[in-house]
Amino acid sequence: MSKAEKFIQLNTKKYSNETRVTIGRHNYLEIQPWLTPEQALTAVDIAREELVEWLEENLDKYIYITGEFARCKMFEDLKKVMEK
């Protein structure tokens, strides 16, 4: 199990999406958006597919560059893509 999958399983709400909100002396229930564990795991699979697609489309840009520079450049570019 990946770190992302473990995080999703540990942090997904399992019972209700209603939370009690207190503003001053007033309490009320508010419905919060949430995903089922299956939906969240599907999101992880989609992210993996996107990463593989990016690597397939862009890896040839780094093949002709040799040495440590190519590795650093690829990881810098990949980090920029993942931040988007």
PDB file of N, CA and C in Angstrom:
ATOM      1  N   MET A   1       0.850  -1.177   0.000  1.00  0.00           N
ATOM      2  CA  MET A   1       0.000   0.000   0.000  1.00  0.00           C
ATOM      3  C   MET A   1       0.899   1.245   0.000  1.00  0.00           C
ATOM      4  N   SER A   2       0.592   2.186  -0.878  1.00  0.00           N
ATOM      5  CA  SER A   2       1.395   3.405  -0.968  1.00  0.00           C
ATOM      6  C   SER A   2       1.086   4.335   0.199  1.00  0.00           C
ATOM      7  N   LYS A   3       1.931   5.336   0.377  1.00  0.00           N
ATOM      8  CA  LYS A   3       1.711   6.330   1.432  1.00  0.00           C
ATOM      9  C   LYS A   3       0.396   7.076   1.205  1.00  0.00           C
ATOM     10  N   ALA A   4       0.098   7.390  -0.061  1.00  0.00           N
ATOM     11  CA  ALA A   4      -1.144   8.107  -0.376  1.00  0.00           C
ATOM     12  C   ALA A   4      -2.356   7.254  -0.033  1.00  0.00           C
ATOM     13  N   GLU A   5      -2.311   5.971  -0.387  1.00  0.00           N
ATOM     14  CA  GLU A   5      -3.431   5.092  -0.085  1.00  0.00           C
ATOM     15  C   GLU A   5      -3.613   4.939   1.429  1.00  0.00           C
ATOM     16  N   LYS A   6      -2.524   4.808   2.159  1.00  0.00           N
ATOM     17  CA  LYS A   6      -2.598   4.681   3.614  1.00  0.00           C
ATOM     18  C   LYS A   6      -3.186   5.952   4.239  1.00  0.00           C
ATOM     19  N   PHE A   7      -2.741   7.117   3.757  1.00  0.00           N
ATOM     20  CA  PHE A   7      -3.273   8.389   4.249  1.00  0.00           C
ATOM     21  C   PHE A   7      -4.776   8.469   4.026  1.00  0.00           C
ATOM     22  N   ILE A   8      -5.221   8.100   2.835  1.00  0.00           N
ATOM     23  CA  ILE A   8      -6.648   8.167   2.504  1.00  0.00           C
ATOM     24  C   ILE A   8      -7.451   7.262   3.435  1.00  0.00           C
ATOM     25  N   GLN A   9      -6.972   6.048   3.636  1.00  0.00           N
ATOM     26  CA  GLN A   9      -7.717   5.124   4.496  1.00  0.00           C
ATOM     27  C   GLN A   9      -7.776   5.606   5.945  1.00  0.00           C
ATOM     28  N   LEU A  10      -6.705   6.248   6.412  1.00  0.00           N
ATOM     29  CA  LEU A  10      -6.687   6.724   7.792  1.00  0.00           C
ATOM     30  C   LEU A  10      -7.510   7.994   7.999  1.00  0.00           C
ATOM     31  N   ASN A  11      -7.691   8.798   6.950  1.00  0.00           N
ATOM     32  CA  ASN A  11      -8.296  10.109   7.118  1.00  0.00           C
ATOM     33  C   ASN A  11      -9.674  10.286   6.500  1.00  0.00           C
ATOM     34  N   THR A  12     -10.192   9.277   5.854  1.00  0.00           N
ATOM     35  CA  THR A  12     -11.513   9.406   5.250  1.00  0.00           C
ATOM     36  C   THR A  12     -12.582   9.284   6.326  1.00  0.00           C
ATOM     37  N   LYS A  13     -13.568  10.186   6.274  1.00  0.00           N
ATOM     38  CA  LYS A  13     -14.684  10.097   7.214  1.00  0.00           C
ATOM     39  C   LYS A  13     -15.464   8.827   6.911  1.00  0.00           C
ATOM     40  N   LYS A  14     -15.793   8.090   7.942  1.00  0.00           N
ATOM     41  CA  LYS A  14     -16.410   6.788   7.730  1.00  0.00           C
ATOM     42  C   LYS A  14     -17.903   6.750   8.067  1.00  0.00           C
ATOM     43  N   TYR A  15     -18.422   7.743   8.747  1.00  0.00           N
ATOM     44  CA  TYR A  15     -19.797   7.645   9.205  1.00  0.00           C
ATOM     45  C   TYR A  15     -20.703   8.704   8.603  1.00  0.00           C
ATOM     46  N   SER A  16     -20.478   9.952   8.899  1.00  0.00           N
ATOM     47  CA  SER A  16     -21.370  11.010   8.460  1.00  0.00           C
ATOM     48  C   SER A  16     -20.546  12.201   8.015  1.00  0.00           C
ATOM     49  N   ASN A  17     -21.077  12.968   7.111  1.00  0.00           N
ATOM     50  CA  ASN A  17     -20.374  14.166   6.684  1.00  0.00           C
ATOM     51  C   ASN A  17     -20.921  15.418   7.374  1.00  0.00           C
ATOM     52  N   GLU A  18     -21.692  15.222   8.440  1.00  0.00           N
ATOM     53  CA  GLU A  18     -22.181  16.358   9.223  1.00  0.00           C
ATOM     54  C   GLU A  18     -21.201  16.667  10.340  1.00  0.00           C
ATOM     55  N   THR A  19     -20.865  17.922  10.478  1.00  0.00           N
ATOM     56  CA  THR A  19     -19.990  18.334  11.577  1.00  0.00           C
ATOM     57  C   THR A  19     -20.679  19.461  12.345  1.00  0.00           C
ATOM     58  N   ARG A  20     -20.412  19.509  13.633  1.00  0.00           N
ATOM     59  CA  ARG A  20     -20.990  20.557  14.484  1.00  0.00           C
ATOM     60  C   ARG A  20     -20.096  21.785  14.395  1.00  0.00           C
ATOM     61  N   VAL A  21     -20.687  22.911  14.050  1.00  0.00           N
ATOM     62  CA  VAL A  21     -19.962  24.164  13.930  1.00  0.00           C
ATOM     63  C   VAL A  21     -20.463  25.109  15.022  1.00  0.00           C
ATOM     64  N   THR A  22     -19.525  25.724  15.724  1.00  0.00           N
ATOM     65  CA  THR A  22     -19.879  26.672  16.781  1.00  0.00           C
ATOM     66  C   THR A  22     -19.364  28.042  16.394  1.00  0.00           C
ATOM     67  N   ILE A  23     -20.290  28.998  16.335  1.00  0.00           N
ATOM     68  CA  ILE A  23     -19.930  30.392  16.097  1.00  0.00           C
ATOM     69  C   ILE A  23     -20.527  31.190  17.257  1.00  0.00           C
ATOM     70  N   GLY A  24     -19.630  31.671  18.105  1.00  0.00           N
ATOM     71  CA  GLY A  24     -20.106  32.346  19.306  1.00  0.00           C
ATOM     72  C   GLY A  24     -20.836  31.365  20.192  1.00  0.00           C
ATOM     73  N   ARG A  25     -22.106  31.667  20.493  1.00  0.00           N
ATOM     74  CA  ARG A  25     -22.918  30.772  21.319  1.00  0.00           C
ATOM     75  C   ARG A  25     -23.830  29.889  20.479  1.00  0.00           C
ATOM     76  N   HIS A  26     -23.736  29.986  19.188  1.00  0.00           N
ATOM     77  CA  HIS A  26     -24.640  29.249  18.315  1.00  0.00           C
ATOM     78  C   HIS A  26     -23.960  27.996  17.761  1.00  0.00           C
ATOM     79  N   ASN A  27     -24.648  26.891  17.860  1.00  0.00           N
ATOM     80  CA  ASN A  27     -24.190  25.624  17.304  1.00  0.00           C
ATOM     81  C   ASN A  27     -25.122  25.213  16.171  1.00  0.00           C
ATOM     82  N   TYR A  28     -24.555  24.680  15.131  1.00  0.00           N
ATOM     83  CA  TYR A  28     -25.376  24.115  14.074  1.00  0.00           C
ATOM     84  C   TYR A  28     -24.585  23.040  13.346  1.00  0.00           C
ATOM     85  N   LEU A  29     -25.315  22.193  12.626  1.00  0.00           N
ATOM     86  CA  LEU A  29     -24.672  21.136  11.856  1.00  0.00           C
ATOM     87  C   LEU A  29     -24.404  21.642  10.450  1.00  0.00           C
ATOM     88  N   GLU A  30     -23.240  21.325   9.967  1.00  0.00           N
ATOM     89  CA  GLU A  30     -22.856  21.724   8.616  1.00  0.00           C
ATOM     90  C   GLU A  30     -22.416  20.479   7.868  1.00  0.00           C
ATOM     91  N   ILE A  31     -22.848  20.354   6.638  1.00  0.00           N
ATOM     92  CA  ILE A  31     -22.453  19.207   5.827  1.00  0.00           C
ATOM     93  C   ILE A  31     -21.138  19.526   5.130  1.00  0.00           C
ATOM     94  N   GLN A  32     -20.155  18.654   5.332  1.00  0.00           N
ATOM     95  CA  GLN A  32     -18.827  18.834   4.748  1.00  0.00           C
ATOM     96  C   GLN A  32     -18.666  17.901   3.545  1.00  0.00           C
ATOM     97  N   PRO A  33     -17.991  18.359   2.499  1.00  0.00           N
ATOM     98  CA  PRO A  33     -17.742  17.461   1.363  1.00  0.00           C
ATOM     99  C   PRO A  33     -16.732  16.388   1.750  1.00  0.00           C
ATOM    100  N   TRP A  34     -16.904  15.196   1.211  1.00  0.00           N
ATOM    101  CA  TRP A  34     -15.958  14.126   1.467  1.00  0.00           C
ATOM    102  C   TRP A  34     -16.092  13.069   0.394  1.00  0.00           C
ATOM    103  N   LEU A  35     -15.072  12.225   0.305  1.00  0.00           N
ATOM    104  CA  LEU A  35     -15.049  11.126  -0.654  1.00  0.00           C
ATOM    105  C   LEU A  35     -15.132   9.802   0.076  1.00  0.00           C
ATOM    106  N   THR A  36     -15.658   8.817  -0.631  1.00  0.00           N
ATOM    107  CA  THR A  36     -15.583   7.464  -0.084  1.00  0.00           C
ATOM    108  C   THR A  36     -14.144   6.976  -0.260  1.00  0.00           C
ATOM    109  N   PRO A  37     -13.727   5.969   0.486  1.00  0.00           N
ATOM    110  CA  PRO A  37     -12.374   5.439   0.297  1.00  0.00           C
ATOM    111  C   PRO A  37     -12.138   4.967  -1.140  1.00  0.00           C
ATOM    112  N   GLU A  38     -13.143   4.375  -1.752  1.00  0.00           N
ATOM    113  CA  GLU A  38     -12.999   3.906  -3.127  1.00  0.00           C
ATOM    114  C   GLU A  38     -12.772   5.069  -4.094  1.00  0.00           C
ATOM    115  N   GLN A  39     -13.493   6.168  -3.886  1.00  0.00           N
ATOM    116  CA  GLN A  39     -13.314   7.348  -4.739  1.00  0.00           C
ATOM    117  C   GLN A  39     -11.923   7.937  -4.561  1.00  0.00           C
ATOM    118  N   ALA A  40     -11.463   8.010  -3.326  1.00  0.00           N
ATOM    119  CA  ALA A  40     -10.138   8.562  -3.065  1.00  0.00           C
ATOM    120  C   ALA A  40      -9.054   7.681  -3.671  1.00  0.00           C
ATOM    121  N   LEU A  41      -9.202   6.368  -3.567  1.00  0.00           N
ATOM    122  CA  LEU A  41      -8.217   5.466  -4.169  1.00  0.00           C
ATOM    123  C   LEU A  41      -8.235   5.574  -5.691  1.00  0.00           C
ATOM    124  N   THR A  42      -9.400   5.813  -6.261  1.00  0.00           N
ATOM    125  CA  THR A  42      -9.487   6.045  -7.704  1.00  0.00           C
ATOM    126  C   THR A  42      -8.714   7.305  -8.074  1.00  0.00           C
ATOM    127  N   ALA A  43      -8.792   8.332  -7.231  1.00  0.00           N
ATOM    128  CA  ALA A  43      -8.031   9.563  -7.476  1.00  0.00           C
ATOM    129  C   ALA A  43      -6.532   9.283  -7.465  1.00  0.00           C
ATOM    130  N   VAL A  44      -6.086   8.412  -6.563  1.00  0.00           N
ATOM    131  CA  VAL A  44      -4.668   8.045  -6.524  1.00  0.00           C
ATOM    132  C   VAL A  44      -4.277   7.326  -7.815  1.00  0.00           C
ATOM    133  N   ASP A  45      -5.122   6.421  -8.286  1.00  0.00           N
ATOM    134  CA  ASP A  45      -4.840   5.708  -9.534  1.00  0.00           C
ATOM    135  C   ASP A  45      -4.752   6.673 -10.708  1.00  0.00           C
ATOM    136  N   ILE A  46      -5.640   7.652 -10.742  1.00  0.00           N
ATOM    137  CA  ILE A  46      -5.622   8.656 -11.811  1.00  0.00           C
ATOM    138  C   ILE A  46      -4.321   9.445 -11.766  1.00  0.00           C
ATOM    139  N   ALA A  47      -3.886   9.824 -10.572  1.00  0.00           N
ATOM    140  CA  ALA A  47      -2.626  10.569 -10.433  1.00  0.00           C
ATOM    141  C   ALA A  47      -1.444   9.738 -10.921  1.00  0.00           C
ATOM    142  N   ARG A  48      -1.459   8.439 -10.612  1.00  0.00           N
ATOM    143  CA  ARG A  48      -0.389   7.559 -11.097  1.00  0.00           C
ATOM    144  C   ARG A  48      -0.370   7.515 -12.631  1.00  0.00           C
ATOM    145  N   GLU A  49      -1.562   7.378 -13.219  1.00  0.00           N
ATOM    146  CA  GLU A  49      -1.652   7.330 -14.683  1.00  0.00           C
ATOM    147  C   GLU A  49      -1.131   8.622 -15.303  1.00  0.00           C
ATOM    148  N   GLU A  50      -1.475   9.756 -14.703  1.00  0.00           N
ATOM    149  CA  GLU A  50      -0.998  11.038 -15.219  1.00  0.00           C
ATOM    150  C   GLU A  50       0.520  11.129 -15.139  1.00  0.00           C
ATOM    151  N   LEU A  51       1.098  10.625 -14.058  1.00  0.00           N
ATOM    152  CA  LEU A  51       2.548  10.644 -13.899  1.00  0.00           C
ATOM    153  C   LEU A  51       3.215   9.771 -14.952  1.00  0.00           C
ATOM    154  N   VAL A  52       2.673   8.583 -15.186  1.00  0.00           N
ATOM    155  CA  VAL A  52       3.228   7.692 -16.204  1.00  0.00           C
ATOM    156  C   VAL A  52       3.118   8.344 -17.587  1.00  0.00           C
ATOM    157  N   GLU A  53       1.981   8.958 -17.881  1.00  0.00           N
ATOM    158  CA  GLU A  53       1.809   9.639 -19.174  1.00  0.00           C
ATOM    159  C   GLU A  53       2.840  10.746 -19.341  1.00  0.00           C
ATOM    160  N   TRP A  54       3.062  11.528 -18.294  1.00  0.00           N
ATOM    161  CA  TRP A  54       4.040  12.619 -18.388  1.00  0.00           C
ATOM    162  C   TRP A  54       5.432  12.054 -18.649  1.00  0.00           C
ATOM    163  N   LEU A  55       5.776  10.989 -17.944  1.00  0.00           N
ATOM    164  CA  LEU A  55       7.093  10.379 -18.140  1.00  0.00           C
ATOM    165  C   LEU A  55       7.248   9.854 -19.564  1.00  0.00           C
ATOM    166  N   GLU A  56       6.199   9.198 -20.089  1.00  0.00           N
ATOM    167  CA  GLU A  56       6.259   8.672 -21.446  1.00  0.00           C
ATOM    168  C   GLU A  56       6.406   9.791 -22.474  1.00  0.00           C
ATOM    169  N   GLU A  57       5.730  10.904 -22.243  1.00  0.00           N
ATOM    170  CA  GLU A  57       5.766  12.016 -23.186  1.00  0.00           C
ATOM    171  C   GLU A  57       7.057  12.830 -23.101  1.00  0.00           C
ATOM    172  N   ASN A  58       7.688  12.859 -21.934  1.00  0.00           N
ATOM    173  CA  ASN A  58       8.800  13.777 -21.729  1.00  0.00           C
ATOM    174  C   ASN A  58      10.147  13.129 -21.497  1.00  0.00           C
ATOM    175  N   LEU A  59      10.203  11.844 -21.304  1.00  0.00           N
ATOM    176  CA  LEU A  59      11.462  11.190 -20.977  1.00  0.00           C
ATOM    177  C   LEU A  59      12.513  11.359 -22.065  1.00  0.00           C
ATOM    178  N   ASP A  60      12.074  11.378 -23.325  1.00  0.00           N
ATOM    179  CA  ASP A  60      13.047  11.512 -24.422  1.00  0.00           C
ATOM    180  C   ASP A  60      13.781  12.851 -24.394  1.00  0.00           C
ATOM    181  N   LYS A  61      13.235  13.857 -23.735  1.00  0.00           N
ATOM    182  CA  LYS A  61      13.913  15.145 -23.608  1.00  0.00           C
ATOM    183  C   LYS A  61      15.190  15.027 -22.789  1.00  0.00           C
ATOM    184  N   TYR A  62      15.264  14.029 -21.920  1.00  0.00           N
ATOM    185  CA  TYR A  62      16.381  13.903 -20.987  1.00  0.00           C
ATOM    186  C   TYR A  62      17.356  12.796 -21.382  1.00  0.00           C
ATOM    187  N   ILE A  63      17.024  12.014 -22.394  1.00  0.00           N
ATOM    188  CA  ILE A  63      17.889  10.908 -22.802  1.00  0.00           C
ATOM    189  C   ILE A  63      19.207  11.412 -23.378  1.00  0.00           C
ATOM    190  N   TYR A  64      19.164  12.491 -24.123  1.00  0.00           N
ATOM    191  CA  TYR A  64      20.360  12.976 -24.797  1.00  0.00           C
ATOM    192  C   TYR A  64      21.297  13.736 -23.868  1.00  0.00           C
ATOM    193  N   ILE A  65      20.799  14.135 -22.714  1.00  0.00           N
ATOM    194  CA  ILE A  65      21.634  14.825 -21.744  1.00  0.00           C
ATOM    195  C   ILE A  65      22.202  13.750 -20.822  1.00  0.00           C
ATOM    196  N   THR A  66      23.490  13.772 -20.584  1.00  0.00           N
ATOM    197  CA  THR A  66      24.079  12.716 -19.767  1.00  0.00           C
ATOM    198  C   THR A  66      24.524  13.258 -18.417  1.00  0.00           C
ATOM    199  N   GLY A  67      24.683  12.344 -17.486  1.00  0.00           N
ATOM    200  CA  GLY A  67      25.231  12.704 -16.194  1.00  0.00           C
ATOM    201  C   GLY A  67      24.197  13.216 -15.215  1.00  0.00           C
ATOM    202  N   GLU A  68      24.703  13.786 -14.146  1.00  0.00           N
ATOM    203  CA  GLU A  68      23.871  14.253 -13.034  1.00  0.00           C
ATOM    204  C   GLU A  68      22.938  15.385 -13.465  1.00  0.00           C
ATOM    205  N   PHE A  69      23.346  16.214 -14.420  1.00  0.00           N
ATOM    206  CA  PHE A  69      22.526  17.334 -14.873  1.00  0.00           C
ATOM    207  C   PHE A  69      21.175  16.846 -15.394  1.00  0.00           C
ATOM    208  N   ALA A  70      21.179  15.779 -16.181  1.00  0.00           N
ATOM    209  CA  ALA A  70      19.933  15.261 -16.752  1.00  0.00           C
ATOM    210  C   ALA A  70      18.988  14.819 -15.652  1.00  0.00           C
ATOM    211  N   ARG A  71      19.513  14.131 -14.662  1.00  0.00           N
ATOM    212  CA  ARG A  71      18.684  13.649 -13.559  1.00  0.00           C
ATOM    213  C   ARG A  71      18.082  14.826 -12.788  1.00  0.00           C
ATOM    214  N   CYS A  72      18.896  15.810 -12.462  1.00  0.00           N
ATOM    215  CA  CYS A  72      18.404  16.971 -11.721  1.00  0.00           C
ATOM    216  C   CYS A  72      17.355  17.725 -12.529  1.00  0.00           C
ATOM    217  N   LYS A  73      17.618  17.930 -13.807  1.00  0.00           N
ATOM    218  CA  LYS A  73      16.700  18.669 -14.671  1.00  0.00           C
ATOM    219  C   LYS A  73      15.362  17.943 -14.768  1.00  0.00           C
ATOM    220  N   MET A  74      15.387  16.614 -14.923  1.00  0.00           N
ATOM    221  CA  MET A  74      14.154  15.854 -15.036  1.00  0.00           C
ATOM    222  C   MET A  74      13.343  15.959 -13.745  1.00  0.00           C
ATOM    223  N   PHE A  75      13.988  15.799 -12.601  1.00  0.00           N
ATOM    224  CA  PHE A  75      13.255  15.864 -11.342  1.00  0.00           C
ATOM    225  C   PHE A  75      12.737  17.271 -11.063  1.00  0.00           C
ATOM    226  N   GLU A  76      13.468  18.296 -11.452  1.00  0.00           N
ATOM    227  CA  GLU A  76      12.975  19.666 -11.290  1.00  0.00           C
ATOM    228  C   GLU A  76      11.725  19.878 -12.134  1.00  0.00           C
ATOM    229  N   ASP A  77      11.766  19.436 -13.388  1.00  0.00           N
ATOM    230  CA  ASP A  77      10.613  19.595 -14.273  1.00  0.00           C
ATOM    231  C   ASP A  77       9.422  18.771 -13.781  1.00  0.00           C
ATOM    232  N   LEU A  78       9.697  17.559 -13.318  1.00  0.00           N
ATOM    233  CA  LEU A  78       8.630  16.696 -12.807  1.00  0.00           C
ATOM    234  C   LEU A  78       7.994  17.316 -11.565  1.00  0.00           C
ATOM    235  N   LYS A  79       8.806  17.898 -10.716  1.00  0.00           N
ATOM    236  CA  LYS A  79       8.282  18.565  -9.513  1.00  0.00           C
ATOM    237  C   LYS A  79       7.361  19.719  -9.894  1.00  0.00           C
ATOM    238  N   LYS A  80       7.742  20.490 -10.917  1.00  0.00           N
ATOM    239  CA  LYS A  80       6.899  21.606 -11.376  1.00  0.00           C
ATOM    240  C   LYS A  80       5.549  21.089 -11.880  1.00  0.00           C
ATOM    241  N   VAL A  81       5.586  19.980 -12.632  1.00  0.00           N
ATOM    242  CA  VAL A  81       4.347  19.410 -13.156  1.00  0.00           C
ATOM    243  C   VAL A  81       3.454  18.930 -12.020  1.00  0.00           C
ATOM    244  N   MET A  82       4.045  18.282 -11.015  1.00  0.00           N
ATOM    245  CA  MET A  82       3.258  17.749  -9.912  1.00  0.00           C
ATOM    246  C   MET A  82       2.688  18.847  -9.025  1.00  0.00           C
ATOM    247  N   GLU A  83       3.323  20.010  -8.976  1.00  0.00           N
ATOM    248  CA  GLU A  83       2.826  21.122  -8.170  1.00  0.00           C
ATOM    249  C   GLU A  83       1.572  21.753  -8.784  1.00  0.00           C
ATOM    250  N   LYS A  84       1.408  21.597 -10.085  1.00  0.00           N
ATOM    251  CA  LYS A  84       0.247  22.183 -10.768  1.00  0.00           C
ATOM    252  C   LYS A  84      -0.986  21.503 -10.380  1.00  0.00           C
TER     253      LYS A  84
END
